[in-house]
Amino acid sequence: MADGATSTISLRGSVDLVQEFFEYAINSILYQRGIYPPEEFRRVAKYGLSMMVASDDGLQTYLKKILAQLKTWLEEGDVQRLVVVVVTGVETNETLERWTFAVNACDTENAAPSTAGDIKAITKQIQAIIRQITASVTFLPLLDEACAFDLLVYTRKTAAVPGAWEDSDPKYIADSQEVKLRSFTTSVHSVEAAVAYKDHDA
């Protein structure tokens, strides 16, 4: 702020940060893991990085619808986890990767005032997670068959759920390995990331 004053990040401000992170994280996963052809993505600058986001109208519409509902649940404190599930094609329907982003509420009553430096620090934390997603191709098994993806959102039982949403099994992976990724924290939310994948040597 121009007068040098500080304030804690508002709930809405934190929700916007978390929702925006999810948008770019999902796009990065879809691009890096080859779920859609590379020509269906365009390059944008975000978080000080060169990132790829989907340019396909259908995919963009789907993601915007999901993210809009996610924002509502975040504002109401109903989101616990967002899971991006990568599965094989129709033939096996076997879950190969499970990207999890756990959302936790912070102690807002005792939160310290935020500064421009805090926002910069949050951006650096998010940047580190995106870099890990980009680097995931170096340690995740090759997806050598056509794959689709699902978005699972874990909410509190009291959350209002639109009719278009339906219950899903958790799509856990048998004989999986898990890699913990970085996390980021606002004064309202913390987000912890991890990816589990099928251990073909198990």
N, C-alpha and C. Protein backbone atom coordinates (compact mmCIF):
# COMPACT_ATOMS: atom_id res chain seq x y z
N MET A 1 0.83 -1.18 0.00
CA MET A 1 0.00 0.00 0.00
C MET A 1 0.87 1.24 0.00
N ALA A 2 0.38 2.33 -0.53
CA ALA A 2 1.16 3.54 -0.72
C ALA A 2 1.61 4.14 0.60
N ASP A 3 0.76 4.02 1.66
CA ASP A 3 1.11 4.65 2.92
C ASP A 3 1.97 3.76 3.81
N GLY A 4 2.32 2.59 3.29
CA GLY A 4 3.19 1.69 4.04
C GLY A 4 2.47 0.85 5.07
N ALA A 5 1.15 0.99 5.18
CA ALA A 5 0.39 0.21 6.14
C ALA A 5 0.35 -1.25 5.74
N THR A 6 0.08 -2.11 6.69
CA THR A 6 -0.02 -3.53 6.41
C THR A 6 -1.37 -4.04 6.88
N SER A 7 -1.78 -5.18 6.37
CA SER A 7 -3.02 -5.81 6.80
C SER A 7 -2.90 -7.30 6.54
N THR A 8 -3.67 -8.08 7.27
CA THR A 8 -3.64 -9.51 7.01
C THR A 8 -4.32 -9.78 5.67
N ILE A 9 -3.89 -10.83 5.01
CA ILE A 9 -4.54 -11.21 3.76
C ILE A 9 -5.96 -11.63 4.09
N SER A 10 -6.93 -11.07 3.37
CA SER A 10 -8.33 -11.39 3.63
C SER A 10 -8.64 -12.80 3.18
N LEU A 11 -9.77 -13.30 3.65
CA LEU A 11 -10.24 -14.61 3.20
C LEU A 11 -10.37 -14.61 1.69
N ARG A 12 -10.99 -13.57 1.14
CA ARG A 12 -11.19 -13.51 -0.31
C ARG A 12 -9.85 -13.46 -1.04
N GLY A 13 -8.91 -12.68 -0.49
CA GLY A 13 -7.59 -12.59 -1.11
C GLY A 13 -6.87 -13.93 -1.11
N SER A 14 -6.99 -14.65 0.00
CA SER A 14 -6.35 -15.96 0.10
C SER A 14 -7.02 -16.96 -0.84
N VAL A 15 -8.37 -16.92 -0.90
CA VAL A 15 -9.11 -17.80 -1.81
C VAL A 15 -8.68 -17.56 -3.25
N ASP A 16 -8.53 -16.30 -3.62
CA ASP A 16 -8.10 -15.96 -4.98
C ASP A 16 -6.71 -16.54 -5.27
N LEU A 17 -5.81 -16.43 -4.29
CA LEU A 17 -4.45 -16.97 -4.46
C LEU A 17 -4.48 -18.48 -4.64
N VAL A 18 -5.26 -19.17 -3.79
CA VAL A 18 -5.33 -20.63 -3.84
C VAL A 18 -6.00 -21.09 -5.13
N GLN A 19 -7.11 -20.44 -5.51
CA GLN A 19 -7.81 -20.81 -6.74
C GLN A 19 -6.90 -20.62 -7.95
N GLU A 20 -6.19 -19.50 -7.99
CA GLU A 20 -5.29 -19.23 -9.12
C GLU A 20 -4.17 -20.25 -9.18
N PHE A 21 -3.64 -20.62 -8.00
CA PHE A 21 -2.61 -21.65 -7.98
C PHE A 21 -3.13 -22.96 -8.56
N PHE A 22 -4.33 -23.37 -8.13
CA PHE A 22 -4.91 -24.61 -8.64
C PHE A 22 -5.05 -24.56 -10.16
N GLU A 23 -5.49 -23.43 -10.67
CA GLU A 23 -5.66 -23.29 -12.12
C GLU A 23 -4.35 -23.56 -12.86
N TYR A 24 -3.29 -22.93 -12.41
CA TYR A 24 -2.01 -23.10 -13.10
C TYR A 24 -1.37 -24.46 -12.82
N ALA A 25 -1.57 -24.98 -11.61
CA ALA A 25 -1.02 -26.29 -11.28
C ALA A 25 -1.67 -27.38 -12.14
N ILE A 26 -3.01 -27.31 -12.27
CA ILE A 26 -3.72 -28.31 -13.09
C ILE A 26 -3.26 -28.23 -14.54
N ASN A 27 -3.18 -27.02 -15.07
CA ASN A 27 -2.72 -26.86 -16.45
C ASN A 27 -1.30 -27.40 -16.63
N SER A 28 -0.44 -27.15 -15.66
CA SER A 28 0.94 -27.63 -15.75
C SER A 28 1.00 -29.15 -15.74
N ILE A 29 0.19 -29.78 -14.88
CA ILE A 29 0.17 -31.24 -14.82
C ILE A 29 -0.33 -31.82 -16.15
N LEU A 30 -1.40 -31.25 -16.67
CA LEU A 30 -1.96 -31.76 -17.93
C LEU A 30 -0.95 -31.63 -19.07
N TYR A 31 -0.19 -30.53 -19.06
CA TYR A 31 0.81 -30.32 -20.12
C TYR A 31 2.02 -31.23 -19.92
N GLN A 32 2.59 -31.19 -18.72
CA GLN A 32 3.82 -31.95 -18.46
C GLN A 32 3.62 -33.45 -18.60
N ARG A 33 2.44 -33.94 -18.26
CA ARG A 33 2.19 -35.38 -18.32
C ARG A 33 1.59 -35.81 -19.66
N GLY A 34 1.44 -34.87 -20.58
CA GLY A 34 1.00 -35.22 -21.92
C GLY A 34 -0.42 -35.72 -22.02
N ILE A 35 -1.29 -35.25 -21.11
CA ILE A 35 -2.68 -35.70 -21.14
C ILE A 35 -3.38 -35.15 -22.38
N TYR A 36 -2.97 -33.95 -22.80
CA TYR A 36 -3.46 -33.35 -24.04
C TYR A 36 -2.25 -33.02 -24.92
N PRO A 37 -2.42 -32.99 -26.24
CA PRO A 37 -1.30 -32.67 -27.14
C PRO A 37 -0.72 -31.28 -26.83
N PRO A 38 0.59 -31.11 -26.98
CA PRO A 38 1.22 -29.82 -26.67
C PRO A 38 0.68 -28.66 -27.49
N GLU A 39 0.18 -28.95 -28.69
CA GLU A 39 -0.34 -27.85 -29.52
C GLU A 39 -1.65 -27.28 -28.98
N GLU A 40 -2.25 -27.94 -27.99
CA GLU A 40 -3.48 -27.43 -27.39
C GLU A 40 -3.21 -26.55 -26.17
N PHE A 41 -1.96 -26.10 -26.04
CA PHE A 41 -1.58 -25.22 -24.94
C PHE A 41 -0.91 -23.97 -25.50
N ARG A 42 -0.99 -22.88 -24.74
CA ARG A 42 -0.30 -21.66 -25.12
C ARG A 42 0.59 -21.22 -23.96
N ARG A 43 1.61 -20.46 -24.28
CA ARG A 43 2.58 -20.04 -23.28
C ARG A 43 2.16 -18.72 -22.65
N VAL A 44 2.22 -18.63 -21.33
CA VAL A 44 1.92 -17.40 -20.60
C VAL A 44 3.00 -17.18 -19.54
N ALA A 45 3.11 -15.95 -19.06
CA ALA A 45 4.05 -15.63 -17.99
C ALA A 45 3.28 -15.51 -16.68
N LYS A 46 3.69 -16.28 -15.67
CA LYS A 46 3.03 -16.24 -14.36
C LYS A 46 4.02 -16.70 -13.30
N TYR A 47 3.96 -16.10 -12.13
CA TYR A 47 4.85 -16.42 -11.03
C TYR A 47 6.33 -16.27 -11.41
N GLY A 48 6.62 -15.41 -12.37
CA GLY A 48 7.99 -15.26 -12.81
C GLY A 48 8.47 -16.42 -13.66
N LEU A 49 7.53 -17.25 -14.14
CA LEU A 49 7.87 -18.43 -14.93
C LEU A 49 7.16 -18.36 -16.27
N SER A 50 7.68 -19.10 -17.23
CA SER A 50 7.00 -19.29 -18.50
C SER A 50 6.19 -20.56 -18.36
N MET A 51 4.86 -20.44 -18.44
CA MET A 51 3.98 -21.58 -18.18
C MET A 51 3.08 -21.86 -19.36
N MET A 52 2.56 -23.10 -19.39
CA MET A 52 1.66 -23.52 -20.45
C MET A 52 0.25 -23.67 -19.88
N VAL A 53 -0.72 -23.08 -20.58
CA VAL A 53 -2.12 -23.22 -20.18
C VAL A 53 -2.93 -23.70 -21.38
N ALA A 54 -4.00 -24.42 -21.11
CA ALA A 54 -4.81 -25.00 -22.17
C ALA A 54 -5.47 -23.93 -23.02
N SER A 55 -5.43 -24.10 -24.32
CA SER A 55 -6.10 -23.18 -25.23
C SER A 55 -7.37 -23.79 -25.81
N ASP A 56 -7.58 -25.08 -25.55
CA ASP A 56 -8.78 -25.77 -26.03
C ASP A 56 -10.02 -25.21 -25.32
N ASP A 57 -11.00 -24.76 -26.08
CA ASP A 57 -12.18 -24.10 -25.51
C ASP A 57 -12.95 -25.02 -24.57
N GLY A 58 -13.11 -26.28 -24.97
CA GLY A 58 -13.85 -27.22 -24.15
C GLY A 58 -13.19 -27.45 -22.81
N LEU A 59 -11.87 -27.63 -22.83
CA LEU A 59 -11.13 -27.87 -21.59
C LEU A 59 -11.15 -26.62 -20.71
N GLN A 60 -10.99 -25.46 -21.33
CA GLN A 60 -11.02 -24.21 -20.56
C GLN A 60 -12.37 -24.01 -19.88
N THR A 61 -13.44 -24.30 -20.60
CA THR A 61 -14.79 -24.16 -20.02
C THR A 61 -14.97 -25.11 -18.85
N TYR A 62 -14.51 -26.34 -19.01
CA TYR A 62 -14.63 -27.34 -17.94
C TYR A 62 -13.86 -26.89 -16.70
N LEU A 63 -12.61 -26.44 -16.90
CA LEU A 63 -11.77 -26.04 -15.77
C LEU A 63 -12.35 -24.81 -15.07
N LYS A 64 -12.86 -23.85 -15.83
CA LYS A 64 -13.43 -22.64 -15.24
C LYS A 64 -14.65 -22.99 -14.38
N LYS A 65 -15.45 -23.94 -14.85
CA LYS A 65 -16.62 -24.36 -14.09
C LYS A 65 -16.19 -25.02 -12.77
N ILE A 66 -15.20 -25.89 -12.83
CA ILE A 66 -14.70 -26.55 -11.64
C ILE A 66 -14.11 -25.53 -10.67
N LEU A 67 -13.29 -24.61 -11.18
CA LEU A 67 -12.61 -23.64 -10.34
C LEU A 67 -13.58 -22.65 -9.71
N ALA A 68 -14.67 -22.32 -10.41
CA ALA A 68 -15.68 -21.42 -9.85
C ALA A 68 -16.35 -22.08 -8.64
N GLN A 69 -16.68 -23.36 -8.77
CA GLN A 69 -17.29 -24.07 -7.65
C GLN A 69 -16.28 -24.25 -6.52
N LEU A 70 -15.04 -24.51 -6.88
CA LEU A 70 -13.98 -24.66 -5.88
C LEU A 70 -13.84 -23.37 -5.08
N LYS A 71 -13.92 -22.22 -5.76
CA LYS A 71 -13.81 -20.93 -5.08
C LYS A 71 -14.92 -20.76 -4.05
N THR A 72 -16.14 -21.15 -4.43
CA THR A 72 -17.28 -21.06 -3.50
C THR A 72 -17.02 -21.91 -2.26
N TRP A 73 -16.57 -23.13 -2.46
CA TRP A 73 -16.29 -24.02 -1.32
C TRP A 73 -15.15 -23.49 -0.46
N LEU A 74 -14.13 -22.91 -1.10
CA LEU A 74 -13.01 -22.33 -0.34
C LEU A 74 -13.50 -21.18 0.53
N GLU A 75 -14.34 -20.32 -0.03
CA GLU A 75 -14.87 -19.18 0.72
C GLU A 75 -15.69 -19.62 1.91
N GLU A 76 -16.35 -20.78 1.77
CA GLU A 76 -17.19 -21.28 2.85
C GLU A 76 -16.44 -22.23 3.78
N GLY A 77 -15.14 -22.42 3.51
CA GLY A 77 -14.32 -23.28 4.36
C GLY A 77 -14.63 -24.76 4.23
N ASP A 78 -15.14 -25.15 3.07
CA ASP A 78 -15.58 -26.54 2.91
C ASP A 78 -14.57 -27.45 2.22
N VAL A 79 -13.52 -26.87 1.62
CA VAL A 79 -12.57 -27.70 0.86
C VAL A 79 -11.51 -28.27 1.80
N GLN A 80 -11.23 -29.55 1.64
CA GLN A 80 -10.16 -30.19 2.40
C GLN A 80 -9.02 -30.64 1.48
N ARG A 81 -9.38 -31.16 0.32
CA ARG A 81 -8.34 -31.60 -0.62
C ARG A 81 -8.85 -31.47 -2.05
N LEU A 82 -7.92 -31.14 -2.94
CA LEU A 82 -8.19 -31.23 -4.37
C LEU A 82 -7.28 -32.31 -4.91
N VAL A 83 -7.84 -33.27 -5.61
CA VAL A 83 -7.04 -34.36 -6.16
C VAL A 83 -7.17 -34.36 -7.68
N VAL A 84 -6.05 -34.26 -8.35
CA VAL A 84 -6.04 -34.41 -9.80
C VAL A 84 -5.63 -35.85 -10.08
N VAL A 85 -6.52 -36.62 -10.68
CA VAL A 85 -6.24 -38.03 -10.90
C VAL A 85 -5.97 -38.27 -12.38
N VAL A 86 -4.85 -38.85 -12.66
CA VAL A 86 -4.54 -39.24 -14.03
C VAL A 86 -4.80 -40.74 -14.15
N VAL A 87 -5.65 -41.13 -15.10
CA VAL A 87 -5.97 -42.54 -15.26
C VAL A 87 -5.63 -42.99 -16.68
N THR A 88 -5.61 -44.26 -16.87
CA THR A 88 -5.37 -44.79 -18.20
C THR A 88 -6.63 -44.63 -19.04
N GLY A 89 -6.56 -45.12 -20.25
CA GLY A 89 -7.71 -45.07 -21.14
C GLY A 89 -8.82 -46.00 -20.68
N VAL A 90 -9.83 -46.10 -21.50
CA VAL A 90 -11.03 -46.86 -21.15
C VAL A 90 -10.72 -48.34 -20.94
N GLU A 91 -9.72 -48.83 -21.61
CA GLU A 91 -9.45 -50.28 -21.57
C GLU A 91 -9.19 -50.81 -20.17
N THR A 92 -8.35 -50.11 -19.38
CA THR A 92 -8.03 -50.61 -18.05
C THR A 92 -8.63 -49.77 -16.94
N ASN A 93 -8.80 -48.47 -17.18
CA ASN A 93 -9.32 -47.54 -16.17
C ASN A 93 -8.51 -47.61 -14.88
N GLU A 94 -7.24 -47.87 -15.01
CA GLU A 94 -6.36 -48.01 -13.85
C GLU A 94 -5.72 -46.66 -13.52
N THR A 95 -5.77 -46.30 -12.25
CA THR A 95 -5.17 -45.02 -11.83
C THR A 95 -3.64 -45.16 -11.81
N LEU A 96 -2.97 -44.28 -12.53
CA LEU A 96 -1.51 -44.33 -12.62
C LEU A 96 -0.84 -43.25 -11.79
N GLU A 97 -1.47 -42.09 -11.68
CA GLU A 97 -0.93 -41.00 -10.88
C GLU A 97 -2.04 -40.32 -10.11
N ARG A 98 -1.68 -39.81 -8.93
CA ARG A 98 -2.67 -39.14 -8.08
C ARG A 98 -1.99 -37.93 -7.45
N TRP A 99 -2.30 -36.77 -7.99
CA TRP A 99 -1.74 -35.52 -7.49
C TRP A 99 -2.69 -34.96 -6.44
N THR A 100 -2.18 -34.74 -5.23
CA THR A 100 -3.02 -34.29 -4.13
C THR A 100 -2.57 -32.93 -3.62
N PHE A 101 -3.53 -32.03 -3.42
CA PHE A 101 -3.25 -30.72 -2.84
C PHE A 101 -4.15 -30.57 -1.62
N ALA A 102 -3.57 -30.74 -0.43
CA ALA A 102 -4.34 -30.66 0.81
C ALA A 102 -4.45 -29.21 1.25
N VAL A 103 -5.67 -28.76 1.50
CA VAL A 103 -5.94 -27.38 1.92
C VAL A 103 -6.25 -27.37 3.42
N ASN A 104 -5.49 -26.59 4.17
CA ASN A 104 -5.71 -26.49 5.61
C ASN A 104 -5.95 -25.03 5.99
N ALA A 105 -6.83 -24.82 6.95
CA ALA A 105 -7.09 -23.46 7.45
C ALA A 105 -6.03 -23.09 8.46
N CYS A 106 -5.52 -21.85 8.36
CA CYS A 106 -4.51 -21.37 9.30
C CYS A 106 -5.20 -20.68 10.48
N ASP A 107 -4.42 -20.37 11.49
CA ASP A 107 -4.92 -19.67 12.67
C ASP A 107 -5.02 -18.18 12.34
N THR A 108 -6.17 -17.76 11.83
CA THR A 108 -6.31 -16.38 11.37
C THR A 108 -6.35 -15.37 12.53
N GLU A 109 -6.78 -15.82 13.72
CA GLU A 109 -6.87 -14.89 14.84
C GLU A 109 -5.50 -14.37 15.26
N ASN A 110 -4.50 -15.23 15.14
CA ASN A 110 -3.15 -14.84 15.55
C ASN A 110 -2.23 -14.56 14.36
N ALA A 111 -2.82 -14.37 13.18
CA ALA A 111 -2.02 -14.11 11.99
C ALA A 111 -1.36 -12.75 12.07
N ALA A 112 -0.10 -12.70 11.69
CA ALA A 112 0.63 -11.43 11.69
C ALA A 112 0.21 -10.62 10.46
N PRO A 113 0.34 -9.29 10.54
CA PRO A 113 0.02 -8.47 9.37
C PRO A 113 0.87 -8.88 8.17
N SER A 114 0.29 -8.83 6.99
CA SER A 114 1.02 -9.21 5.78
C SER A 114 1.61 -7.97 5.13
N THR A 115 2.69 -8.16 4.43
CA THR A 115 3.35 -7.06 3.74
C THR A 115 3.57 -7.46 2.30
N ALA A 116 4.06 -6.51 1.51
CA ALA A 116 4.38 -6.82 0.12
C ALA A 116 5.42 -7.93 0.06
N GLY A 117 6.30 -7.95 1.07
CA GLY A 117 7.32 -9.01 1.12
C GLY A 117 6.69 -10.38 1.33
N ASP A 118 5.61 -10.43 2.12
CA ASP A 118 4.91 -11.70 2.35
C ASP A 118 4.31 -12.22 1.05
N ILE A 119 3.70 -11.32 0.27
CA ILE A 119 3.12 -11.71 -1.01
C ILE A 119 4.22 -12.25 -1.92
N LYS A 120 5.37 -11.60 -1.88
CA LYS A 120 6.51 -12.04 -2.70
C LYS A 120 6.97 -13.43 -2.26
N ALA A 121 6.96 -13.66 -0.93
CA ALA A 121 7.37 -14.96 -0.39
C ALA A 121 6.40 -16.06 -0.80
N ILE A 122 5.09 -15.75 -0.77
CA ILE A 122 4.08 -16.72 -1.20
C ILE A 122 4.28 -17.07 -2.66
N THR A 123 4.54 -16.04 -3.48
CA THR A 123 4.77 -16.26 -4.91
C THR A 123 5.97 -17.18 -5.12
N LYS A 124 7.03 -17.00 -4.33
CA LYS A 124 8.21 -17.85 -4.44
C LYS A 124 7.89 -19.29 -4.05
N GLN A 125 7.04 -19.46 -3.02
CA GLN A 125 6.65 -20.81 -2.60
C GLN A 125 5.85 -21.50 -3.71
N ILE A 126 4.93 -20.75 -4.31
CA ILE A 126 4.13 -21.31 -5.41
C ILE A 126 5.04 -21.63 -6.59
N GLN A 127 5.96 -20.74 -6.87
CA GLN A 127 6.91 -20.94 -7.97
C GLN A 127 7.68 -22.25 -7.78
N ALA A 128 8.07 -22.54 -6.54
CA ALA A 128 8.82 -23.77 -6.26
C ALA A 128 7.98 -25.01 -6.55
N ILE A 129 6.68 -24.97 -6.22
CA ILE A 129 5.80 -26.12 -6.51
C ILE A 129 5.65 -26.31 -8.01
N ILE A 130 5.44 -25.21 -8.74
CA ILE A 130 5.28 -25.31 -10.19
C ILE A 130 6.56 -25.86 -10.82
N ARG A 131 7.71 -25.44 -10.32
CA ARG A 131 8.98 -25.97 -10.83
C ARG A 131 9.07 -27.48 -10.60
N GLN A 132 8.58 -27.94 -9.44
CA GLN A 132 8.59 -29.38 -9.15
C GLN A 132 7.66 -30.13 -10.10
N ILE A 133 6.50 -29.55 -10.39
CA ILE A 133 5.59 -30.19 -11.35
C ILE A 133 6.28 -30.31 -12.71
N THR A 134 6.96 -29.23 -13.11
CA THR A 134 7.67 -29.23 -14.39
C THR A 134 8.76 -30.30 -14.41
N ALA A 135 9.43 -30.47 -13.27
CA ALA A 135 10.52 -31.44 -13.18
C ALA A 135 10.04 -32.87 -12.95
N SER A 136 8.72 -33.05 -12.78
CA SER A 136 8.19 -34.37 -12.44
C SER A 136 8.48 -35.41 -13.52
N VAL A 137 8.66 -34.94 -14.76
CA VAL A 137 8.93 -35.89 -15.84
C VAL A 137 10.24 -36.64 -15.62
N THR A 138 11.10 -36.12 -14.74
CA THR A 138 12.39 -36.77 -14.51
C THR A 138 12.31 -37.94 -13.54
N PHE A 139 11.22 -38.00 -12.74
CA PHE A 139 11.13 -39.11 -11.79
C PHE A 139 9.85 -39.93 -11.90
N LEU A 140 8.83 -39.41 -12.58
CA LEU A 140 7.60 -40.19 -12.74
C LEU A 140 7.73 -41.17 -13.90
N PRO A 141 7.12 -42.34 -13.78
CA PRO A 141 7.16 -43.31 -14.88
C PRO A 141 6.53 -42.73 -16.14
N LEU A 142 7.02 -43.17 -17.27
CA LEU A 142 6.49 -42.72 -18.55
C LEU A 142 5.05 -43.20 -18.72
N LEU A 143 4.18 -42.27 -19.10
CA LEU A 143 2.80 -42.65 -19.42
C LEU A 143 2.79 -43.04 -20.90
N ASP A 144 2.92 -44.32 -21.15
CA ASP A 144 3.10 -44.78 -22.53
C ASP A 144 1.79 -45.21 -23.18
N GLU A 145 0.68 -44.73 -22.64
CA GLU A 145 -0.63 -45.00 -23.24
C GLU A 145 -1.50 -43.76 -23.06
N ALA A 146 -2.54 -43.66 -23.85
CA ALA A 146 -3.43 -42.50 -23.75
C ALA A 146 -4.10 -42.46 -22.39
N CYS A 147 -4.10 -41.29 -21.76
CA CYS A 147 -4.67 -41.16 -20.42
C CYS A 147 -5.71 -40.04 -20.38
N ALA A 148 -6.63 -40.17 -19.45
CA ALA A 148 -7.61 -39.12 -19.18
C ALA A 148 -7.38 -38.66 -17.75
N PHE A 149 -8.09 -37.60 -17.34
CA PHE A 149 -7.92 -37.15 -15.96
C PHE A 149 -9.27 -36.83 -15.34
N ASP A 150 -9.33 -36.94 -14.03
CA ASP A 150 -10.51 -36.56 -13.25
C ASP A 150 -10.07 -35.56 -12.20
N LEU A 151 -10.97 -34.69 -11.79
CA LEU A 151 -10.72 -33.79 -10.67
C LEU A 151 -11.63 -34.21 -9.52
N LEU A 152 -11.06 -34.55 -8.40
CA LEU A 152 -11.83 -34.91 -7.22
C LEU A 152 -11.64 -33.81 -6.18
N VAL A 153 -12.74 -33.36 -5.58
CA VAL A 153 -12.66 -32.37 -4.52
C VAL A 153 -13.26 -32.98 -3.25
N TYR A 154 -12.47 -33.00 -2.20
CA TYR A 154 -12.95 -33.49 -0.91
C TYR A 154 -13.50 -32.30 -0.13
N THR A 155 -14.76 -32.38 0.26
CA THR A 155 -15.38 -31.29 1.01
C THR A 155 -15.94 -31.83 2.34
N ARG A 156 -16.30 -30.90 3.19
CA ARG A 156 -16.98 -31.29 4.42
C ARG A 156 -18.35 -31.87 4.08
N LYS A 157 -18.87 -32.73 4.94
CA LYS A 157 -20.15 -33.38 4.67
C LYS A 157 -21.29 -32.37 4.61
N THR A 158 -21.10 -31.22 5.26
CA THR A 158 -22.17 -30.21 5.29
C THR A 158 -22.15 -29.29 4.07
N ALA A 159 -21.17 -29.46 3.17
CA ALA A 159 -21.05 -28.58 2.01
C ALA A 159 -22.23 -28.76 1.06
N ALA A 160 -22.68 -27.66 0.47
CA ALA A 160 -23.73 -27.72 -0.54
C ALA A 160 -23.11 -28.16 -1.86
N VAL A 161 -23.64 -29.24 -2.42
CA VAL A 161 -23.06 -29.81 -3.64
C VAL A 161 -24.04 -29.66 -4.80
N PRO A 162 -23.61 -29.00 -5.89
CA PRO A 162 -24.49 -28.85 -7.06
C PRO A 162 -24.87 -30.20 -7.63
N GLY A 163 -26.03 -30.25 -8.28
CA GLY A 163 -26.54 -31.51 -8.80
C GLY A 163 -25.66 -32.15 -9.85
N ALA A 164 -24.86 -31.32 -10.55
CA ALA A 164 -24.01 -31.86 -11.61
C ALA A 164 -22.83 -32.66 -11.06
N TRP A 165 -22.53 -32.47 -9.77
CA TRP A 165 -21.42 -33.20 -9.16
C TRP A 165 -21.93 -34.54 -8.65
N GLU A 166 -21.06 -35.51 -8.63
CA GLU A 166 -21.45 -36.82 -8.14
C GLU A 166 -20.33 -37.42 -7.31
N ASP A 167 -20.71 -38.34 -6.42
CA ASP A 167 -19.72 -39.02 -5.59
C ASP A 167 -18.83 -39.89 -6.46
N SER A 168 -17.59 -40.02 -6.04
CA SER A 168 -16.64 -40.84 -6.78
C SER A 168 -15.84 -41.67 -5.80
N ASP A 169 -15.36 -42.81 -6.25
CA ASP A 169 -14.43 -43.55 -5.41
C ASP A 169 -13.11 -42.76 -5.40
N PRO A 170 -12.28 -42.97 -4.39
CA PRO A 170 -11.07 -42.15 -4.26
C PRO A 170 -9.98 -42.44 -5.29
N LYS A 171 -10.15 -43.50 -6.05
CA LYS A 171 -9.19 -43.85 -7.11
C LYS A 171 -7.76 -43.96 -6.56
N TYR A 172 -7.63 -44.68 -5.46
CA TYR A 172 -6.30 -44.90 -4.89
C TYR A 172 -5.48 -45.80 -5.81
N ILE A 173 -4.18 -45.75 -5.62
CA ILE A 173 -3.26 -46.54 -6.44
C ILE A 173 -2.70 -47.68 -5.60
N ALA A 174 -2.89 -48.89 -6.05
CA ALA A 174 -2.29 -50.03 -5.36
C ALA A 174 -0.79 -50.04 -5.64
N ASP A 175 0.00 -50.43 -4.63
CA ASP A 175 1.47 -50.50 -4.79
C ASP A 175 2.02 -49.17 -5.31
N SER A 176 1.75 -48.10 -4.56
CA SER A 176 2.17 -46.78 -5.03
C SER A 176 3.41 -46.28 -4.31
N GLN A 177 4.09 -45.35 -4.96
CA GLN A 177 5.16 -44.56 -4.37
C GLN A 177 4.64 -43.14 -4.26
N GLU A 178 5.08 -42.40 -3.25
CA GLU A 178 4.63 -41.02 -3.11
C GLU A 178 5.82 -40.08 -2.96
N VAL A 179 5.73 -38.94 -3.62
CA VAL A 179 6.75 -37.90 -3.50
C VAL A 179 6.07 -36.65 -2.95
N LYS A 180 6.56 -36.18 -1.80
CA LYS A 180 6.04 -34.95 -1.22
C LYS A 180 6.63 -33.76 -1.99
N LEU A 181 5.79 -32.83 -2.34
CA LEU A 181 6.23 -31.62 -3.01
C LEU A 181 6.27 -30.48 -1.99
N ARG A 182 6.61 -29.29 -2.47
CA ARG A 182 6.65 -28.13 -1.59
C ARG A 182 5.24 -27.73 -1.17
N SER A 183 5.15 -26.76 -0.29
CA SER A 183 3.86 -26.24 0.15
C SER A 183 3.91 -24.71 0.12
N PHE A 184 2.75 -24.09 0.23
CA PHE A 184 2.74 -22.64 0.39
C PHE A 184 1.68 -22.26 1.41
N THR A 185 1.88 -21.10 2.02
CA THR A 185 1.01 -20.66 3.10
C THR A 185 0.67 -19.19 2.96
N THR A 186 -0.63 -18.89 3.04
CA THR A 186 -1.07 -17.51 3.20
C THR A 186 -1.40 -17.36 4.68
N SER A 187 -1.92 -16.24 5.09
CA SER A 187 -2.30 -16.10 6.50
C SER A 187 -3.64 -16.79 6.79
N VAL A 188 -4.28 -17.33 5.72
CA VAL A 188 -5.58 -17.96 5.87
C VAL A 188 -5.54 -19.45 5.53
N HIS A 189 -4.80 -19.82 4.49
CA HIS A 189 -4.74 -21.21 4.04
C HIS A 189 -3.29 -21.69 3.91
N SER A 190 -3.12 -22.98 4.08
CA SER A 190 -1.86 -23.62 3.67
C SER A 190 -2.22 -24.73 2.71
N VAL A 191 -1.38 -24.94 1.72
CA VAL A 191 -1.61 -25.97 0.70
C VAL A 191 -0.38 -26.86 0.63
N GLU A 192 -0.58 -28.15 0.86
CA GLU A 192 0.51 -29.13 0.82
C GLU A 192 0.31 -30.03 -0.39
N ALA A 193 1.36 -30.18 -1.19
CA ALA A 193 1.25 -30.93 -2.45
C ALA A 193 2.03 -32.24 -2.39
N ALA A 194 1.52 -33.23 -3.11
CA ALA A 194 2.20 -34.52 -3.21
C ALA A 194 1.71 -35.23 -4.47
N VAL A 195 2.53 -36.15 -4.97
CA VAL A 195 2.10 -36.96 -6.10
C VAL A 195 2.41 -38.43 -5.78
N ALA A 196 1.43 -39.28 -5.99
CA ALA A 196 1.61 -40.72 -5.83
C ALA A 196 1.54 -41.34 -7.21
N TYR A 197 2.33 -42.37 -7.42
CA TYR A 197 2.33 -43.02 -8.72
C TYR A 197 2.51 -44.52 -8.56
N LYS A 198 2.11 -45.24 -9.57
CA LYS A 198 2.18 -46.71 -9.52
C LYS A 198 3.62 -47.17 -9.56
N ASP A 199 3.99 -48.01 -8.62
CA ASP A 199 5.34 -48.57 -8.57
C ASP A 199 5.34 -49.86 -9.40
N HIS A 200 5.88 -49.77 -10.59
CA HIS A 200 5.85 -50.94 -11.49
C HIS A 200 6.79 -52.06 -11.04
N ASP A 201 7.67 -51.77 -10.07
CA ASP A 201 8.58 -52.80 -9.56
C ASP A 201 8.01 -53.53 -8.36
N ALA A 202 6.84 -53.06 -7.87
CA ALA A 202 6.25 -53.68 -6.67
C ALA A 202 5.71 -55.05 -6.99
